[in-house]
Amino acid sequence: MDVVSVTIADPPLPTLVAKGTNPINCITNGSIDFTFTNVPDGTYTISYDGGNFADVAVSGNKAVITAPVGAYANLKITLDGCTSVNVASITLSAPATPTLIAAGINPPDCTKDGTINFTFTNVPV
């Protein structure tokens, strides 16, 4: 009788790396760029504590999603029952709130105009 050795191995575990890009203003979303290994092209769900991003299209080991400001802890992908071995956490932050200070200067007499000096913070030039 011949003896045949068979080795059964688990498939390679998927990995996920994430990089966040903050929104450029207070009315738009930011984005999260994902890079994967051992994840074939397709559509997947990426989960995080408290929610998930459904229907994420992975192509060439990459995907990009838009997301509102907030914290996305423990981002992970599950493929055929195997969850990514490294989890990522991203926080997207809104730009600093603009402020305006106005200081009025009365005219020196009735024939002259007054002025208003404005001071801004967090306002691009």
PDB file of N, CA and C in Angstrom:
ATOM      1  N   MET A   1       0.842  -1.156   0.000  1.00  0.00           N
ATOM      2  CA  MET A   1       0.000   0.000   0.000  1.00  0.00           C
ATOM      3  C   MET A   1       0.899   1.235   0.000  1.00  0.00           C
ATOM      4  N   ASP A   2       0.565   2.182  -0.910  1.00  0.00           N
ATOM      5  CA  ASP A   2       1.318   3.432  -0.981  1.00  0.00           C
ATOM      6  C   ASP A   2       0.768   4.424   0.041  1.00  0.00           C
ATOM      7  N   VAL A   3       1.680   5.147   0.651  1.00  0.00           N
ATOM      8  CA  VAL A   3       1.294   6.189   1.606  1.00  0.00           C
ATOM      9  C   VAL A   3       1.446   7.539   0.902  1.00  0.00           C
ATOM     10  N   VAL A   4       0.398   8.310   0.950  1.00  0.00           N
ATOM     11  CA  VAL A   4       0.397   9.631   0.322  1.00  0.00           C
ATOM     12  C   VAL A   4       0.285  10.679   1.422  1.00  0.00           C
ATOM     13  N   SER A   5       1.196  11.624   1.392  1.00  0.00           N
ATOM     14  CA  SER A   5       1.129  12.720   2.351  1.00  0.00           C
ATOM     15  C   SER A   5       0.344  13.874   1.736  1.00  0.00           C
ATOM     16  N   VAL A   6      -0.535  14.420   2.504  1.00  0.00           N
ATOM     17  CA  VAL A   6      -1.341  15.553   2.056  1.00  0.00           C
ATOM     18  C   VAL A   6      -1.202  16.662   3.098  1.00  0.00           C
ATOM     19  N   THR A   7      -0.928  17.840   2.608  1.00  0.00           N
ATOM     20  CA  THR A   7      -0.852  18.999   3.494  1.00  0.00           C
ATOM     21  C   THR A   7      -2.009  19.932   3.165  1.00  0.00           C
ATOM     22  N   ILE A   8      -2.735  20.265   4.169  1.00  0.00           N
ATOM     23  CA  ILE A   8      -3.836  21.203   4.000  1.00  0.00           C
ATOM     24  C   ILE A   8      -3.438  22.476   4.736  1.00  0.00           C
ATOM     25  N   ALA A   9      -3.440  23.567   4.005  1.00  0.00           N
ATOM     26  CA  ALA A   9      -3.037  24.846   4.598  1.00  0.00           C
ATOM     27  C   ALA A   9      -4.179  25.848   4.488  1.00  0.00           C
ATOM     28  N   ASP A  10      -4.216  26.712   5.468  1.00  0.00           N
ATOM     29  CA  ASP A  10      -5.181  27.809   5.406  1.00  0.00           C
ATOM     30  C   ASP A  10      -4.795  28.738   4.261  1.00  0.00           C
ATOM     31  N   PRO A  11      -5.785  29.391   3.667  1.00  0.00           N
ATOM     32  CA  PRO A  11      -5.435  30.380   2.635  1.00  0.00           C
ATOM     33  C   PRO A  11      -4.707  31.550   3.288  1.00  0.00           C
ATOM     34  N   PRO A  12      -3.913  32.295   2.505  1.00  0.00           N
ATOM     35  CA  PRO A  12      -3.232  33.451   3.110  1.00  0.00           C
ATOM     36  C   PRO A  12      -4.257  34.465   3.613  1.00  0.00           C
ATOM     37  N   LEU A  13      -3.971  35.010   4.771  1.00  0.00           N
ATOM     38  CA  LEU A  13      -4.897  35.970   5.374  1.00  0.00           C
ATOM     39  C   LEU A  13      -4.839  37.305   4.632  1.00  0.00           C
ATOM     40  N   PRO A  14      -5.993  37.951   4.485  1.00  0.00           N
ATOM     41  CA  PRO A  14      -5.985  39.275   3.858  1.00  0.00           C
ATOM     42  C   PRO A  14      -5.362  40.302   4.799  1.00  0.00           C
ATOM     43  N   THR A  15      -4.765  41.334   4.217  1.00  0.00           N
ATOM     44  CA  THR A  15      -4.256  42.450   5.013  1.00  0.00           C
ATOM     45  C   THR A  15      -4.849  43.737   4.460  1.00  0.00           C
ATOM     46  N   LEU A  16      -4.891  44.745   5.302  1.00  0.00           N
ATOM     47  CA  LEU A  16      -5.480  46.031   4.953  1.00  0.00           C
ATOM     48  C   LEU A  16      -4.618  47.131   5.558  1.00  0.00           C
ATOM     49  N   VAL A  17      -4.269  48.121   4.759  1.00  0.00           N
ATOM     50  CA  VAL A  17      -3.586  49.319   5.235  1.00  0.00           C
ATOM     51  C   VAL A  17      -4.461  50.493   4.803  1.00  0.00           C
ATOM     52  N   ALA A  18      -4.651  51.469   5.680  1.00  0.00           N
ATOM     53  CA  ALA A  18      -5.539  52.596   5.381  1.00  0.00           C
ATOM     54  C   ALA A  18      -4.820  53.915   5.611  1.00  0.00           C
ATOM     55  N   LYS A  19      -5.120  54.877   4.742  1.00  0.00           N
ATOM     56  CA  LYS A  19      -4.578  56.236   4.876  1.00  0.00           C
ATOM     57  C   LYS A  19      -5.742  57.204   4.682  1.00  0.00           C
ATOM     58  N   GLY A  20      -5.945  58.098   5.635  1.00  0.00           N
ATOM     59  CA  GLY A  20      -7.056  59.046   5.567  1.00  0.00           C
ATOM     60  C   GLY A  20      -6.633  60.390   5.013  1.00  0.00           C
ATOM     61  N   THR A  21      -7.562  61.032   4.308  1.00  0.00           N
ATOM     62  CA  THR A  21      -7.378  62.393   3.815  1.00  0.00           C
ATOM     63  C   THR A  21      -8.543  63.221   4.346  1.00  0.00           C
ATOM     64  N   ASN A  22      -8.227  64.242   5.135  1.00  0.00           N
ATOM     65  CA  ASN A  22      -9.264  65.090   5.727  1.00  0.00           C
ATOM     66  C   ASN A  22      -9.999  65.876   4.647  1.00  0.00           C
ATOM     67  N   PRO A  23     -11.269  66.249   4.909  1.00  0.00           N
ATOM     68  CA  PRO A  23     -11.994  67.083   3.951  1.00  0.00           C
ATOM     69  C   PRO A  23     -11.311  68.438   3.795  1.00  0.00           C
ATOM     70  N   ILE A  24     -11.476  69.029   2.621  1.00  0.00           N
ATOM     71  CA  ILE A  24     -10.826  70.319   2.360  1.00  0.00           C
ATOM     72  C   ILE A  24     -11.639  71.489   2.881  1.00  0.00           C
ATOM     73  N   ASN A  25     -12.928  71.264   3.189  1.00  0.00           N
ATOM     74  CA  ASN A  25     -13.749  72.324   3.768  1.00  0.00           C
ATOM     75  C   ASN A  25     -14.818  71.682   4.646  1.00  0.00           C
ATOM     76  N   CYS A  26     -15.658  72.498   5.235  1.00  0.00           N
ATOM     77  CA  CYS A  26     -16.637  72.000   6.213  1.00  0.00           C
ATOM     78  C   CYS A  26     -17.866  71.358   5.584  1.00  0.00           C
ATOM     79  N   ILE A  27     -18.000  71.402   4.276  1.00  0.00           N
ATOM     80  CA  ILE A  27     -19.201  70.845   3.649  1.00  0.00           C
ATOM     81  C   ILE A  27     -18.920  69.616   2.796  1.00  0.00           C
ATOM     82  N   THR A  28     -17.669  69.179   2.738  1.00  0.00           N
ATOM     83  CA  THR A  28     -17.350  67.992   1.940  1.00  0.00           C
ATOM     84  C   THR A  28     -16.878  66.860   2.844  1.00  0.00           C
ATOM     85  N   ASN A  29     -16.843  65.669   2.285  1.00  0.00           N
ATOM     86  CA  ASN A  29     -16.327  64.499   2.990  1.00  0.00           C
ATOM     87  C   ASN A  29     -14.833  64.369   2.761  1.00  0.00           C
ATOM     88  N   GLY A  30     -14.208  63.589   3.615  1.00  0.00           N
ATOM     89  CA  GLY A  30     -12.829  63.196   3.409  1.00  0.00           C
ATOM     90  C   GLY A  30     -12.808  61.874   2.654  1.00  0.00           C
ATOM     91  N   SER A  31     -11.658  61.241   2.629  1.00  0.00           N
ATOM     92  CA  SER A  31     -11.558  59.947   1.955  1.00  0.00           C
ATOM     93  C   SER A  31     -10.605  59.036   2.715  1.00  0.00           C
ATOM     94  N   ILE A  32     -10.751  57.759   2.477  1.00  0.00           N
ATOM     95  CA  ILE A  32      -9.839  56.757   3.026  1.00  0.00           C
ATOM     96  C   ILE A  32      -9.349  55.918   1.859  1.00  0.00           C
ATOM     97  N   ASP A  33      -8.015  55.857   1.692  1.00  0.00           N
ATOM     98  CA  ASP A  33      -7.385  55.033   0.669  1.00  0.00           C
ATOM     99  C   ASP A  33      -6.958  53.724   1.321  1.00  0.00           C
ATOM    100  N   PHE A  34      -7.365  52.610   0.730  1.00  0.00           N
ATOM    101  CA  PHE A  34      -7.020  51.292   1.247  1.00  0.00           C
ATOM    102  C   PHE A  34      -6.047  50.604   0.296  1.00  0.00           C
ATOM    103  N   THR A  35      -5.105  49.882   0.874  1.00  0.00           N
ATOM    104  CA  THR A  35      -4.225  49.001   0.117  1.00  0.00           C
ATOM    105  C   THR A  35      -4.346  47.613   0.746  1.00  0.00           C
ATOM    106  N   PHE A  36      -4.507  46.595  -0.090  1.00  0.00           N
ATOM    107  CA  PHE A  36      -4.747  45.231   0.384  1.00  0.00           C
ATOM    108  C   PHE A  36      -3.678  44.277  -0.135  1.00  0.00           C
ATOM    109  N   THR A  37      -3.524  43.177   0.572  1.00  0.00           N
ATOM    110  CA  THR A  37      -2.837  42.007   0.032  1.00  0.00           C
ATOM    111  C   THR A  37      -3.752  40.819   0.262  1.00  0.00           C
ATOM    112  N   ASN A  38      -3.637  39.856  -0.629  1.00  0.00           N
ATOM    113  CA  ASN A  38      -4.439  38.628  -0.577  1.00  0.00           C
ATOM    114  C   ASN A  38      -5.938  38.905  -0.671  1.00  0.00           C
ATOM    115  N   VAL A  39      -6.297  39.969  -1.401  1.00  0.00           N
ATOM    116  CA  VAL A  39      -7.701  40.290  -1.647  1.00  0.00           C
ATOM    117  C   VAL A  39      -7.870  40.439  -3.158  1.00  0.00           C
ATOM    118  N   PRO A  40      -8.543  39.497  -3.797  1.00  0.00           N
ATOM    119  CA  PRO A  40      -8.732  39.618  -5.247  1.00  0.00           C
ATOM    120  C   PRO A  40      -9.684  40.759  -5.599  1.00  0.00           C
ATOM    121  N   ASP A  41      -9.619  41.213  -6.833  1.00  0.00           N
ATOM    122  CA  ASP A  41     -10.544  42.241  -7.295  1.00  0.00           C
ATOM    123  C   ASP A  41     -11.975  41.792  -7.041  1.00  0.00           C
ATOM    124  N   GLY A  42     -12.801  42.714  -6.619  1.00  0.00           N
ATOM    125  CA  GLY A  42     -14.198  42.399  -6.341  1.00  0.00           C
ATOM    126  C   GLY A  42     -14.812  43.468  -5.467  1.00  0.00           C
ATOM    127  N   THR A  43     -16.007  43.190  -4.985  1.00  0.00           N
ATOM    128  CA  THR A  43     -16.745  44.120  -4.133  1.00  0.00           C
ATOM    129  C   THR A  43     -16.873  43.512  -2.746  1.00  0.00           C
ATOM    130  N   TYR A  44     -16.498  44.299  -1.734  1.00  0.00           N
ATOM    131  CA  TYR A  44     -16.441  43.797  -0.373  1.00  0.00           C
ATOM    132  C   TYR A  44     -17.042  44.807   0.604  1.00  0.00           C
ATOM    133  N   THR A  45     -17.214  44.356   1.840  1.00  0.00           N
ATOM    134  CA  THR A  45     -17.610  45.223   2.939  1.00  0.00           C
ATOM    135  C   THR A  45     -16.400  45.393   3.857  1.00  0.00           C
ATOM    136  N   ILE A  46     -16.081  46.633   4.169  1.00  0.00           N
ATOM    137  CA  ILE A  46     -15.022  46.925   5.133  1.00  0.00           C
ATOM    138  C   ILE A  46     -15.722  47.380   6.410  1.00  0.00           C
ATOM    139  N   SER A  47     -15.457  46.687   7.491  1.00  0.00           N
ATOM    140  CA  SER A  47     -16.140  47.006   8.742  1.00  0.00           C
ATOM    141  C   SER A  47     -15.228  47.783   9.676  1.00  0.00           C
ATOM    142  N   TYR A  48     -15.838  48.482  10.601  1.00  0.00           N
ATOM    143  CA  TYR A  48     -15.142  49.213  11.658  1.00  0.00           C
ATOM    144  C   TYR A  48     -16.061  49.222  12.867  1.00  0.00           C
ATOM    145  N   ASP A  49     -15.515  49.586  14.016  1.00  0.00           N
ATOM    146  CA  ASP A  49     -16.323  49.617  15.235  1.00  0.00           C
ATOM    147  C   ASP A  49     -17.513  50.545  15.025  1.00  0.00           C
ATOM    148  N   GLY A  50     -18.712  50.004  15.089  1.00  0.00           N
ATOM    149  CA  GLY A  50     -19.917  50.807  14.982  1.00  0.00           C
ATOM    150  C   GLY A  50     -20.486  50.952  13.583  1.00  0.00           C
ATOM    151  N   GLY A  51     -19.904  50.298  12.571  1.00  0.00           N
ATOM    152  CA  GLY A  51     -20.470  50.415  11.229  1.00  0.00           C
ATOM    153  C   GLY A  51     -19.642  49.712  10.181  1.00  0.00           C
ATOM    154  N   ASN A  52     -19.955  50.029   8.920  1.00  0.00           N
ATOM    155  CA  ASN A  52     -19.194  49.440   7.823  1.00  0.00           C
ATOM    156  C   ASN A  52     -19.363  50.263   6.555  1.00  0.00           C
ATOM    157  N   PHE A  53     -18.474  50.033   5.622  1.00  0.00           N
ATOM    158  CA  PHE A  53     -18.569  50.583   4.279  1.00  0.00           C
ATOM    159  C   PHE A  53     -18.915  49.407   3.377  1.00  0.00           C
ATOM    160  N   ALA A  54     -20.113  49.419   2.814  1.00  0.00           N
ATOM    161  CA  ALA A  54     -20.567  48.319   1.965  1.00  0.00           C
ATOM    162  C   ALA A  54     -20.214  48.602   0.507  1.00  0.00           C
ATOM    163  N   ASP A  55     -20.132  47.536  -0.261  1.00  0.00           N
ATOM    164  CA  ASP A  55     -19.924  47.632  -1.710  1.00  0.00           C
ATOM    165  C   ASP A  55     -18.661  48.396  -2.085  1.00  0.00           C
ATOM    166  N   VAL A  56     -17.568  48.121  -1.385  1.00  0.00           N
ATOM    167  CA  VAL A  56     -16.283  48.749  -1.690  1.00  0.00           C
ATOM    168  C   VAL A  56     -15.646  47.979  -2.836  1.00  0.00           C
ATOM    169  N   ALA A  57     -15.389  48.666  -3.931  1.00  0.00           N
ATOM    170  CA  ALA A  57     -14.801  48.031  -5.118  1.00  0.00           C
ATOM    171  C   ALA A  57     -13.280  48.000  -4.976  1.00  0.00           C
ATOM    172  N   VAL A  58     -12.724  46.787  -4.899  1.00  0.00           N
ATOM    173  CA  VAL A  58     -11.275  46.591  -4.815  1.00  0.00           C
ATOM    174  C   VAL A  58     -10.779  46.236  -6.207  1.00  0.00           C
ATOM    175  N   SER A  59      -9.774  46.968  -6.651  1.00  0.00           N
ATOM    176  CA  SER A  59      -9.171  46.706  -7.958  1.00  0.00           C
ATOM    177  C   SER A  59      -7.667  46.922  -7.843  1.00  0.00           C
ATOM    178  N   GLY A  60      -6.892  45.944  -8.267  1.00  0.00           N
ATOM    179  CA  GLY A  60      -5.444  46.078  -8.190  1.00  0.00           C
ATOM    180  C   GLY A  60      -4.949  46.277  -6.774  1.00  0.00           C
ATOM    181  N   ASN A  61      -5.593  45.632  -5.813  1.00  0.00           N
ATOM    182  CA  ASN A  61      -5.234  45.714  -4.389  1.00  0.00           C
ATOM    183  C   ASN A  61      -5.450  47.087  -3.781  1.00  0.00           C
ATOM    184  N   LYS A  62      -6.306  47.912  -4.403  1.00  0.00           N
ATOM    185  CA  LYS A  62      -6.562  49.262  -3.878  1.00  0.00           C
ATOM    186  C   LYS A  62      -8.054  49.573  -3.926  1.00  0.00           C
ATOM    187  N   ALA A  63      -8.462  50.481  -3.051  1.00  0.00           N
ATOM    188  CA  ALA A  63      -9.830  50.993  -3.042  1.00  0.00           C
ATOM    189  C   ALA A  63      -9.813  52.354  -2.346  1.00  0.00           C
ATOM    190  N   VAL A  64     -10.743  53.210  -2.733  1.00  0.00           N
ATOM    191  CA  VAL A  64     -10.897  54.525  -2.107  1.00  0.00           C
ATOM    192  C   VAL A  64     -12.379  54.714  -1.804  1.00  0.00           C
ATOM    193  N   ILE A  65     -12.663  55.173  -0.591  1.00  0.00           N
ATOM    194  CA  ILE A  65     -14.048  55.483  -0.230  1.00  0.00           C
ATOM    195  C   ILE A  65     -14.096  56.915   0.294  1.00  0.00           C
ATOM    196  N   THR A  66     -15.265  57.551   0.180  1.00  0.00           N
ATOM    197  CA  THR A  66     -15.467  58.850   0.799  1.00  0.00           C
ATOM    198  C   THR A  66     -16.169  58.622   2.134  1.00  0.00           C
ATOM    199  N   ALA A  67     -15.852  59.476   3.096  1.00  0.00           N
ATOM    200  CA  ALA A  67     -16.423  59.303   4.429  1.00  0.00           C
ATOM    201  C   ALA A  67     -16.496  60.659   5.127  1.00  0.00           C
ATOM    202  N   PRO A  68     -17.534  60.857   5.938  1.00  0.00           N
ATOM    203  CA  PRO A  68     -17.625  62.105   6.704  1.00  0.00           C
ATOM    204  C   PRO A  68     -16.600  62.123   7.833  1.00  0.00           C
ATOM    205  N   VAL A  69     -16.388  63.302   8.407  1.00  0.00           N
ATOM    206  CA  VAL A  69     -15.459  63.402   9.530  1.00  0.00           C
ATOM    207  C   VAL A  69     -15.904  62.465  10.635  1.00  0.00           C
ATOM    208  N   GLY A  70     -14.941  61.916  11.342  1.00  0.00           N
ATOM    209  CA  GLY A  70     -15.238  60.995  12.425  1.00  0.00           C
ATOM    210  C   GLY A  70     -14.102  60.010  12.612  1.00  0.00           C
ATOM    211  N   ALA A  71     -14.279  59.148  13.609  1.00  0.00           N
ATOM    212  CA  ALA A  71     -13.278  58.131  13.926  1.00  0.00           C
ATOM    213  C   ALA A  71     -13.749  56.788  13.378  1.00  0.00           C
ATOM    214  N   TYR A  72     -12.846  56.097  12.728  1.00  0.00           N
ATOM    215  CA  TYR A  72     -13.106  54.777  12.153  1.00  0.00           C
ATOM    216  C   TYR A  72     -12.073  53.819  12.745  1.00  0.00           C
ATOM    217  N   ALA A  73     -12.454  53.179  13.863  1.00  0.00           N
ATOM    218  CA  ALA A  73     -11.524  52.322  14.602  1.00  0.00           C
ATOM    219  C   ALA A  73     -11.682  50.872  14.159  1.00  0.00           C
ATOM    220  N   ASN A  74     -10.564  50.182  14.100  1.00  0.00           N
ATOM    221  CA  ASN A  74     -10.515  48.752  13.793  1.00  0.00           C
ATOM    222  C   ASN A  74     -11.080  48.422  12.412  1.00  0.00           C
ATOM    223  N   LEU A  75     -10.634  49.157  11.411  1.00  0.00           N
ATOM    224  CA  LEU A  75     -11.027  48.862  10.030  1.00  0.00           C
ATOM    225  C   LEU A  75     -10.498  47.485   9.648  1.00  0.00           C
ATOM    226  N   LYS A  76     -11.363  46.667   9.056  1.00  0.00           N
ATOM    227  CA  LYS A  76     -10.934  45.324   8.656  1.00  0.00           C
ATOM    228  C   LYS A  76     -11.815  44.805   7.530  1.00  0.00           C
ATOM    229  N   ILE A  77     -11.269  43.862   6.800  1.00  0.00           N
ATOM    230  CA  ILE A  77     -11.998  43.222   5.712  1.00  0.00           C
ATOM    231  C   ILE A  77     -12.037  41.734   6.000  1.00  0.00           C
ATOM    232  N   THR A  78     -13.168  41.114   5.687  1.00  0.00           N
ATOM    233  CA  THR A  78     -13.313  39.669   5.855  1.00  0.00           C
ATOM    234  C   THR A  78     -13.544  39.060   4.482  1.00  0.00           C
ATOM    235  N   LEU A  79     -12.747  38.061   4.176  1.00  0.00           N
ATOM    236  CA  LEU A  79     -12.796  37.402   2.874  1.00  0.00           C
ATOM    237  C   LEU A  79     -12.904  35.904   3.097  1.00  0.00           C
ATOM    238  N   ASP A  80     -13.993  35.301   2.647  1.00  0.00           N
ATOM    239  CA  ASP A  80     -14.210  33.858   2.799  1.00  0.00           C
ATOM    240  C   ASP A  80     -14.019  33.390   4.242  1.00  0.00           C
ATOM    241  N   GLY A  81     -14.519  34.183   5.180  1.00  0.00           N
ATOM    242  CA  GLY A  81     -14.444  33.825   6.583  1.00  0.00           C
ATOM    243  C   GLY A  81     -13.139  34.189   7.273  1.00  0.00           C
ATOM    244  N   CYS A  82     -12.183  34.722   6.522  1.00  0.00           N
ATOM    245  CA  CYS A  82     -10.893  35.125   7.103  1.00  0.00           C
ATOM    246  C   CYS A  82     -10.853  36.646   7.228  1.00  0.00           C
ATOM    247  N   THR A  83     -10.615  37.118   8.441  1.00  0.00           N
ATOM    248  CA  THR A  83     -10.568  38.562   8.692  1.00  0.00           C
ATOM    249  C   THR A  83      -9.128  39.033   8.624  1.00  0.00           C
ATOM    250  N   SER A  84      -8.949  40.235   8.073  1.00  0.00           N
ATOM    251  CA  SER A  84      -7.601  40.788   7.920  1.00  0.00           C
ATOM    252  C   SER A  84      -6.846  40.743   9.245  1.00  0.00           C
ATOM    253  N   VAL A  85      -5.548  40.439   9.135  1.00  0.00           N
ATOM    254  CA  VAL A  85      -4.738  40.237  10.330  1.00  0.00           C
ATOM    255  C   VAL A  85      -4.320  41.534  10.974  1.00  0.00           C
ATOM    256  N   ASN A  86      -4.234  42.594  10.195  1.00  0.00           N
ATOM    257  CA  ASN A  86      -3.885  43.882  10.792  1.00  0.00           C
ATOM    258  C   ASN A  86      -5.083  44.804  10.645  1.00  0.00           C
ATOM    259  N   VAL A  87      -5.425  45.458  11.705  1.00  0.00           N
ATOM    260  CA  VAL A  87      -6.546  46.395  11.653  1.00  0.00           C
ATOM    261  C   VAL A  87      -5.988  47.806  11.696  1.00  0.00           C
ATOM    262  N   ALA A  88      -6.683  48.712  11.066  1.00  0.00           N
ATOM    263  CA  ALA A  88      -6.253  50.107  11.003  1.00  0.00           C
ATOM    264  C   ALA A  88      -7.313  50.976  11.656  1.00  0.00           C
ATOM    265  N   SER A  89      -6.899  52.124  12.123  1.00  0.00           N
ATOM    266  CA  SER A  89      -7.822  53.114  12.659  1.00  0.00           C
ATOM    267  C   SER A  89      -7.491  54.459  12.023  1.00  0.00           C
ATOM    268  N   ILE A  90      -8.521  55.154  11.572  1.00  0.00           N
ATOM    269  CA  ILE A  90      -8.370  56.439  10.901  1.00  0.00           C
ATOM    270  C   ILE A  90      -9.327  57.432  11.553  1.00  0.00           C
ATOM    271  N   THR A  91      -8.869  58.666  11.722  1.00  0.00           N
ATOM    272  CA  THR A  91      -9.750  59.745  12.149  1.00  0.00           C
ATOM    273  C   THR A  91      -9.703  60.834  11.092  1.00  0.00           C
ATOM    274  N   LEU A  92     -10.860  61.175  10.556  1.00  0.00           N
ATOM    275  CA  LEU A  92     -10.968  62.273   9.598  1.00  0.00           C
ATOM    276  C   LEU A  92     -11.461  63.503  10.358  1.00  0.00           C
ATOM    277  N   SER A  93     -10.751  64.605  10.194  1.00  0.00           N
ATOM    278  CA  SER A  93     -11.063  65.828  10.935  1.00  0.00           C
ATOM    279  C   SER A  93     -11.460  66.952   9.995  1.00  0.00           C
ATOM    280  N   ALA A  94     -12.419  67.749  10.444  1.00  0.00           N
ATOM    281  CA  ALA A  94     -12.836  68.923   9.675  1.00  0.00           C
ATOM    282  C   ALA A  94     -11.772  70.001   9.801  1.00  0.00           C
ATOM    283  N   PRO A  95     -11.685  70.863   8.803  1.00  0.00           N
ATOM    284  CA  PRO A  95     -10.755  71.987   8.926  1.00  0.00           C
ATOM    285  C   PRO A  95     -11.165  72.874  10.103  1.00  0.00           C
ATOM    286  N   ALA A  96     -10.227  73.667  10.573  1.00  0.00           N
ATOM    287  CA  ALA A  96     -10.513  74.569  11.685  1.00  0.00           C
ATOM    288  C   ALA A  96     -11.614  75.555  11.292  1.00  0.00           C
ATOM    289  N   THR A  97     -12.464  75.875  12.232  1.00  0.00           N
ATOM    290  CA  THR A  97     -13.578  76.790  11.999  1.00  0.00           C
ATOM    291  C   THR A  97     -13.066  78.207  11.774  1.00  0.00           C
ATOM    292  N   PRO A  98     -13.542  78.855  10.710  1.00  0.00           N
ATOM    293  CA  PRO A  98     -13.104  80.234  10.488  1.00  0.00           C
ATOM    294  C   PRO A  98     -13.724  81.178  11.524  1.00  0.00           C
ATOM    295  N   THR A  99     -12.974  82.228  11.851  1.00  0.00           N
ATOM    296  CA  THR A  99     -13.495  83.252  12.759  1.00  0.00           C
ATOM    297  C   THR A  99     -13.288  84.623  12.137  1.00  0.00           C
ATOM    298  N   LEU A 100     -14.083  85.554  12.575  1.00  0.00           N
ATOM    299  CA  LEU A 100     -14.028  86.928  12.078  1.00  0.00           C
ATOM    300  C   LEU A 100     -14.191  87.873  13.261  1.00  0.00           C
ATOM    301  N   ILE A 101     -13.291  88.841  13.348  1.00  0.00           N
ATOM    302  CA  ILE A 101     -13.398  89.907  14.352  1.00  0.00           C
ATOM    303  C   ILE A 101     -13.460  91.225  13.575  1.00  0.00           C
ATOM    304  N   ALA A 102     -14.437  92.054  13.898  1.00  0.00           N
ATOM    305  CA  ALA A 102     -14.580  93.355  13.239  1.00  0.00           C
ATOM    306  C   ALA A 102     -14.449  94.460  14.279  1.00  0.00           C
ATOM    307  N   ALA A 103     -13.631  95.447  13.946  1.00  0.00           N
ATOM    308  CA  ALA A 103     -13.452  96.598  14.834  1.00  0.00           C
ATOM    309  C   ALA A 103     -13.747  97.867  14.048  1.00  0.00           C
ATOM    310  N   GLY A 104     -14.766  98.588  14.472  1.00  0.00           N
ATOM    311  CA  GLY A 104     -15.144  99.825  13.794  1.00  0.00           C
ATOM    312  C   GLY A 104     -14.389 101.027  14.341  1.00  0.00           C
ATOM    313  N   ILE A 105     -14.016 101.909  13.429  1.00  0.00           N
ATOM    314  CA  ILE A 105     -13.359 103.163  13.815  1.00  0.00           C
ATOM    315  C   ILE A 105     -14.245 104.299  13.318  1.00  0.00           C
ATOM    316  N   ASN A 106     -14.714 105.119  14.237  1.00  0.00           N
ATOM    317  CA  ASN A 106     -15.596 106.220  13.877  1.00  0.00           C
ATOM    318  C   ASN A 106     -14.857 107.252  13.020  1.00  0.00           C
ATOM    319  N   PRO A 107     -15.609 107.940  12.164  1.00  0.00           N
ATOM    320  CA  PRO A 107     -14.958 108.990  11.373  1.00  0.00           C
ATOM    321  C   PRO A 107     -14.527 110.140  12.276  1.00  0.00           C
ATOM    322  N   PRO A 108     -13.437 110.824  11.888  1.00  0.00           N
ATOM    323  CA  PRO A 108     -12.966 111.934  12.731  1.00  0.00           C
ATOM    324  C   PRO A 108     -13.930 113.121  12.723  1.00  0.00           C
ATOM    325  N   ASP A 109     -14.697 113.268  11.642  1.00  0.00           N
ATOM    326  CA  ASP A 109     -15.703 114.342  11.594  1.00  0.00           C
ATOM    327  C   ASP A 109     -16.779 113.931  10.591  1.00  0.00           C
ATOM    328  N   CYS A 110     -17.782 114.785  10.445  1.00  0.00           N
ATOM    329  CA  CYS A 110     -18.934 114.454   9.600  1.00  0.00           C
ATOM    330  C   CYS A 110     -18.616 114.408   8.112  1.00  0.00           C
ATOM    331  N   THR A 111     -17.479 114.886   7.707  1.00  0.00           N
ATOM    332  CA  THR A 111     -17.153 114.893   6.276  1.00  0.00           C
ATOM    333  C   THR A 111     -16.288 113.701   5.871  1.00  0.00           C
ATOM    334  N   LYS A 112     -15.895 112.900   6.793  1.00  0.00           N
ATOM    335  CA  LYS A 112     -15.029 111.748   6.524  1.00  0.00           C
ATOM    336  C   LYS A 112     -15.806 110.453   6.751  1.00  0.00           C
ATOM    337  N   ASP A 113     -15.284 109.366   6.165  1.00  0.00           N
ATOM    338  CA  ASP A 113     -15.854 108.035   6.382  1.00  0.00           C
ATOM    339  C   ASP A 113     -15.169 107.361   7.561  1.00  0.00           C
ATOM    340  N   GLY A 114     -15.904 106.498   8.189  1.00  0.00           N
ATOM    341  CA  GLY A 114     -15.304 105.632   9.198  1.00  0.00           C
ATOM    342  C   GLY A 114     -14.725 104.394   8.510  1.00  0.00           C
ATOM    343  N   THR A 115     -14.108 103.540   9.279  1.00  0.00           N
ATOM    344  CA  THR A 115     -13.533 102.309   8.722  1.00  0.00           C
ATOM    345  C   THR A 115     -13.902 101.130   9.609  1.00  0.00           C
ATOM    346  N   ILE A 116     -13.816  99.973   9.013  1.00  0.00           N
ATOM    347  CA  ILE A 116     -13.983  98.728   9.765  1.00  0.00           C
ATOM    348  C   ILE A 116     -12.771  97.865   9.458  1.00  0.00           C
ATOM    349  N   ASN A 117     -12.063  97.444  10.484  1.00  0.00           N
ATOM    350  CA  ASN A 117     -10.925  96.545  10.341  1.00  0.00           C
ATOM    351  C   ASN A 117     -11.384  95.126  10.659  1.00  0.00           C
ATOM    352  N   PHE A 118     -11.092  94.213   9.737  1.00  0.00           N
ATOM    353  CA  PHE A 118     -11.461  92.811   9.918  1.00  0.00           C
ATOM    354  C   PHE A 118     -10.210  91.988  10.201  1.00  0.00           C
ATOM    355  N   THR A 119     -10.330  91.065  11.145  1.00  0.00           N
ATOM    356  CA  THR A 119      -9.264  90.113  11.430  1.00  0.00           C
ATOM    357  C   THR A 119      -9.855  88.708  11.295  1.00  0.00           C
ATOM    358  N   PHE A 120      -9.212  87.867  10.499  1.00  0.00           N
ATOM    359  CA  PHE A 120      -9.699  86.514  10.218  1.00  0.00           C
ATOM    360  C   PHE A 120      -8.697  85.482  10.754  1.00  0.00           C
ATOM    361  N   THR A 121      -9.222  84.361  11.172  1.00  0.00           N
ATOM    362  CA  THR A 121      -8.380  83.188  11.435  1.00  0.00           C
ATOM    363  C   THR A 121      -8.993  82.009  10.683  1.00  0.00           C
ATOM    364  N   ASN A 122      -8.127  81.111  10.269  1.00  0.00           N
ATOM    365  CA  ASN A 122      -8.540  79.890   9.551  1.00  0.00           C
ATOM    366  C   ASN A 122      -9.280  80.188   8.259  1.00  0.00           C
ATOM    367  N   VAL A 123      -8.902  81.268   7.596  1.00  0.00           N
ATOM    368  CA  VAL A 123      -9.465  81.635   6.294  1.00  0.00           C
ATOM    369  C   VAL A 123      -8.304  81.671   5.307  1.00  0.00           C
ATOM    370  N   PRO A 124      -8.365  80.854   4.243  1.00  0.00           N
ATOM    371  CA  PRO A 124      -7.256  80.862   3.292  1.00  0.00           C
ATOM    372  C   PRO A 124      -7.118  82.212   2.604  1.00  0.00           C
ATOM    373  N   VAL A 125      -5.902  82.496   2.234  1.00  0.00           N
ATOM    374  CA  VAL A 125      -5.621  83.770   1.550  1.00  0.00           C
ATOM    375  C   VAL A 125      -6.074  83.681   0.110  1.00  0.00           C
TER     376      VAL A 125
END
